[in-house]
Amino acid sequence: MPVIRIDGPRVEDLNRKRQFVKDVTNAAAALYGLPPDIITVLLRENAPENVGAGGQLLIDLHKSHDTDN
């Protein structure tokens, strides 16, 4: 049984999440030639203060981009 883990920012719209999970499930089922009901998708939502890139927290990177405008 494939397990797909996706880390990303929080998504408030539950319907968008539903569609995303459905799309990912269908793509994996097609790739592996397996029935969709055995595909598990785990969404892990990360706040920007808990993620770093390039040595900086995302929350700080967003602030610096906001001041560039």
N, C-alpha and C. Protein backbone atom coordinates (compact mmCIF):
# COMPACT_ATOMS: atom_id res chain seq x y z
N MET A 1 0.85 -1.18 0.00
CA MET A 1 0.00 0.00 0.00
C MET A 1 0.89 1.24 0.00
N PRO A 2 0.87 2.04 -1.07
CA PRO A 2 1.65 3.27 -1.09
C PRO A 2 1.12 4.30 -0.10
N VAL A 3 2.06 4.97 0.57
CA VAL A 3 1.73 6.08 1.46
C VAL A 3 2.46 7.30 0.91
N ILE A 4 1.69 8.35 0.63
CA ILE A 4 2.25 9.57 0.07
C ILE A 4 2.15 10.65 1.15
N ARG A 5 3.30 11.22 1.50
CA ARG A 5 3.34 12.28 2.50
C ARG A 5 3.67 13.59 1.81
N ILE A 6 2.89 14.59 2.10
CA ILE A 6 3.09 15.90 1.49
C ILE A 6 3.18 16.95 2.58
N ASP A 7 4.30 17.66 2.61
CA ASP A 7 4.49 18.77 3.54
C ASP A 7 4.26 20.06 2.78
N GLY A 8 3.55 20.98 3.39
CA GLY A 8 3.32 22.26 2.75
C GLY A 8 2.66 23.23 3.71
N PRO A 9 2.34 24.41 3.21
CA PRO A 9 1.67 25.40 4.05
C PRO A 9 0.22 25.01 4.31
N ARG A 10 -0.36 25.63 5.30
CA ARG A 10 -1.75 25.37 5.66
C ARG A 10 -2.68 25.82 4.53
N VAL A 11 -3.67 24.99 4.25
CA VAL A 11 -4.70 25.32 3.27
C VAL A 11 -6.03 25.33 4.01
N GLU A 12 -6.68 26.46 4.03
CA GLU A 12 -7.93 26.62 4.77
C GLU A 12 -9.12 25.97 4.08
N ASP A 13 -9.14 26.00 2.77
CA ASP A 13 -10.29 25.54 2.00
C ASP A 13 -10.33 24.00 1.96
N LEU A 14 -11.25 23.43 2.70
CA LEU A 14 -11.38 21.98 2.80
C LEU A 14 -11.71 21.34 1.45
N ASN A 15 -12.50 22.01 0.63
CA ASN A 15 -12.84 21.46 -0.69
C ASN A 15 -11.61 21.38 -1.59
N ARG A 16 -10.73 22.36 -1.49
CA ARG A 16 -9.49 22.30 -2.27
C ARG A 16 -8.62 21.14 -1.80
N LYS A 17 -8.59 20.90 -0.50
CA LYS A 17 -7.83 19.76 0.04
C LYS A 17 -8.42 18.45 -0.47
N ARG A 18 -9.74 18.35 -0.43
CA ARG A 18 -10.40 17.12 -0.91
C ARG A 18 -10.01 16.84 -2.36
N GLN A 19 -10.08 17.87 -3.19
CA GLN A 19 -9.75 17.69 -4.61
C GLN A 19 -8.29 17.32 -4.79
N PHE A 20 -7.42 17.96 -4.02
CA PHE A 20 -5.99 17.67 -4.10
C PHE A 20 -5.70 16.21 -3.75
N VAL A 21 -6.28 15.75 -2.64
CA VAL A 21 -6.07 14.36 -2.22
C VAL A 21 -6.61 13.40 -3.28
N LYS A 22 -7.74 13.72 -3.85
CA LYS A 22 -8.32 12.88 -4.91
C LYS A 22 -7.39 12.84 -6.13
N ASP A 23 -6.88 14.01 -6.53
CA ASP A 23 -5.99 14.07 -7.69
C ASP A 23 -4.69 13.30 -7.45
N VAL A 24 -4.10 13.46 -6.28
CA VAL A 24 -2.87 12.76 -5.95
C VAL A 24 -3.12 11.25 -5.90
N THR A 25 -4.21 10.86 -5.29
CA THR A 25 -4.57 9.45 -5.21
C THR A 25 -4.73 8.84 -6.60
N ASN A 26 -5.47 9.52 -7.46
CA ASN A 26 -5.70 9.01 -8.82
C ASN A 26 -4.40 8.92 -9.61
N ALA A 27 -3.53 9.91 -9.45
CA ALA A 27 -2.25 9.89 -10.16
C ALA A 27 -1.39 8.71 -9.68
N ALA A 28 -1.35 8.50 -8.37
CA ALA A 28 -0.56 7.38 -7.83
C ALA A 28 -1.15 6.04 -8.26
N ALA A 29 -2.46 5.93 -8.24
CA ALA A 29 -3.11 4.68 -8.65
C ALA A 29 -2.78 4.38 -10.11
N ALA A 30 -2.80 5.41 -10.96
CA ALA A 30 -2.46 5.21 -12.38
C ALA A 30 -0.99 4.83 -12.54
N LEU A 31 -0.11 5.48 -11.81
CA LEU A 31 1.32 5.20 -11.89
C LEU A 31 1.64 3.77 -11.48
N TYR A 32 1.08 3.35 -10.35
CA TYR A 32 1.40 2.04 -9.81
C TYR A 32 0.49 0.93 -10.33
N GLY A 33 -0.58 1.29 -11.02
CA GLY A 33 -1.51 0.27 -11.49
C GLY A 33 -2.26 -0.39 -10.34
N LEU A 34 -2.58 0.40 -9.33
CA LEU A 34 -3.26 -0.11 -8.13
C LEU A 34 -4.61 0.56 -7.99
N PRO A 35 -5.52 -0.07 -7.24
CA PRO A 35 -6.81 0.59 -6.98
C PRO A 35 -6.63 1.78 -6.04
N PRO A 36 -7.37 2.87 -6.28
CA PRO A 36 -7.23 4.06 -5.45
C PRO A 36 -7.50 3.83 -3.96
N ASP A 37 -8.33 2.84 -3.64
CA ASP A 37 -8.70 2.66 -2.23
C ASP A 37 -7.55 2.14 -1.36
N ILE A 38 -6.42 1.75 -1.95
CA ILE A 38 -5.30 1.33 -1.10
C ILE A 38 -4.20 2.40 -1.03
N ILE A 39 -4.42 3.55 -1.66
CA ILE A 39 -3.47 4.65 -1.62
C ILE A 39 -3.80 5.54 -0.41
N THR A 40 -2.78 5.84 0.39
CA THR A 40 -2.97 6.73 1.54
C THR A 40 -2.20 8.02 1.29
N VAL A 41 -2.86 9.15 1.51
CA VAL A 41 -2.23 10.45 1.35
C VAL A 41 -2.27 11.15 2.71
N LEU A 42 -1.10 11.57 3.17
CA LEU A 42 -0.99 12.30 4.44
C LEU A 42 -0.56 13.72 4.15
N LEU A 43 -1.36 14.68 4.55
CA LEU A 43 -1.01 16.09 4.41
C LEU A 43 -0.51 16.60 5.75
N ARG A 44 0.68 17.16 5.74
CA ARG A 44 1.21 17.76 6.96
C ARG A 44 1.37 19.25 6.68
N GLU A 45 0.63 20.04 7.41
CA GLU A 45 0.63 21.49 7.20
C GLU A 45 1.60 22.14 8.18
N ASN A 46 2.48 22.94 7.63
CA ASN A 46 3.53 23.57 8.43
C ASN A 46 3.37 25.08 8.43
N ALA A 47 3.38 25.66 9.60
CA ALA A 47 3.33 27.11 9.73
C ALA A 47 4.67 27.70 9.28
N PRO A 48 4.67 28.89 8.68
CA PRO A 48 5.92 29.47 8.18
C PRO A 48 6.96 29.73 9.27
N GLU A 49 6.53 29.81 10.53
CA GLU A 49 7.51 29.98 11.60
C GLU A 49 8.18 28.66 11.98
N ASN A 50 7.77 27.56 11.36
CA ASN A 50 8.34 26.25 11.65
C ASN A 50 9.10 25.66 10.47
N VAL A 51 9.34 26.47 9.44
CA VAL A 51 10.03 25.99 8.25
C VAL A 51 11.15 26.97 7.90
N GLY A 52 12.31 26.43 7.60
CA GLY A 52 13.43 27.27 7.19
C GLY A 52 13.89 26.90 5.80
N ALA A 53 14.37 27.90 5.06
CA ALA A 53 14.96 27.69 3.74
C ALA A 53 16.12 28.67 3.59
N GLY A 54 17.23 28.18 3.13
CA GLY A 54 18.38 29.06 2.95
C GLY A 54 18.88 29.68 4.25
N GLY A 55 18.65 29.00 5.34
CA GLY A 55 19.12 29.49 6.63
C GLY A 55 18.21 30.49 7.31
N GLN A 56 17.02 30.71 6.75
CA GLN A 56 16.08 31.64 7.34
C GLN A 56 14.71 31.00 7.48
N LEU A 57 13.98 31.45 8.49
CA LEU A 57 12.60 31.00 8.63
C LEU A 57 11.76 31.61 7.52
N LEU A 58 10.81 30.84 7.02
CA LEU A 58 9.94 31.35 5.95
C LEU A 58 9.19 32.60 6.37
N ILE A 59 8.80 32.66 7.64
CA ILE A 59 8.07 33.84 8.11
C ILE A 59 8.93 35.10 7.94
N ASP A 60 10.23 34.97 8.13
CA ASP A 60 11.13 36.11 7.97
C ASP A 60 11.36 36.43 6.49
N LEU A 61 11.42 35.41 5.66
CA LEU A 61 11.58 35.63 4.23
C LEU A 61 10.37 36.36 3.66
N HIS A 62 9.18 35.98 4.10
CA HIS A 62 7.95 36.63 3.63
C HIS A 62 7.95 38.10 4.06
N LYS A 63 8.41 38.37 5.26
CA LYS A 63 8.45 39.76 5.74
C LYS A 63 9.39 40.60 4.88
N SER A 64 10.53 40.03 4.53
CA SER A 64 11.49 40.80 3.73
C SER A 64 10.96 41.04 2.32
N HIS A 65 10.20 40.09 1.76
CA HIS A 65 9.60 40.29 0.44
C HIS A 65 8.49 41.34 0.50
N ASP A 66 7.76 41.37 1.60
CA ASP A 66 6.69 42.36 1.75
C ASP A 66 7.25 43.78 1.79
N THR A 67 8.43 43.95 2.36
CA THR A 67 9.01 45.29 2.47
C THR A 67 9.70 45.71 1.18
N ASP A 68 9.97 44.76 0.27
CA ASP A 68 10.60 45.08 -1.00
C ASP A 68 9.67 45.83 -1.94
N ASN A 69 8.38 45.74 -1.73
CA ASN A 69 7.41 46.37 -2.66
C ASN A 69 7.21 47.82 -2.39
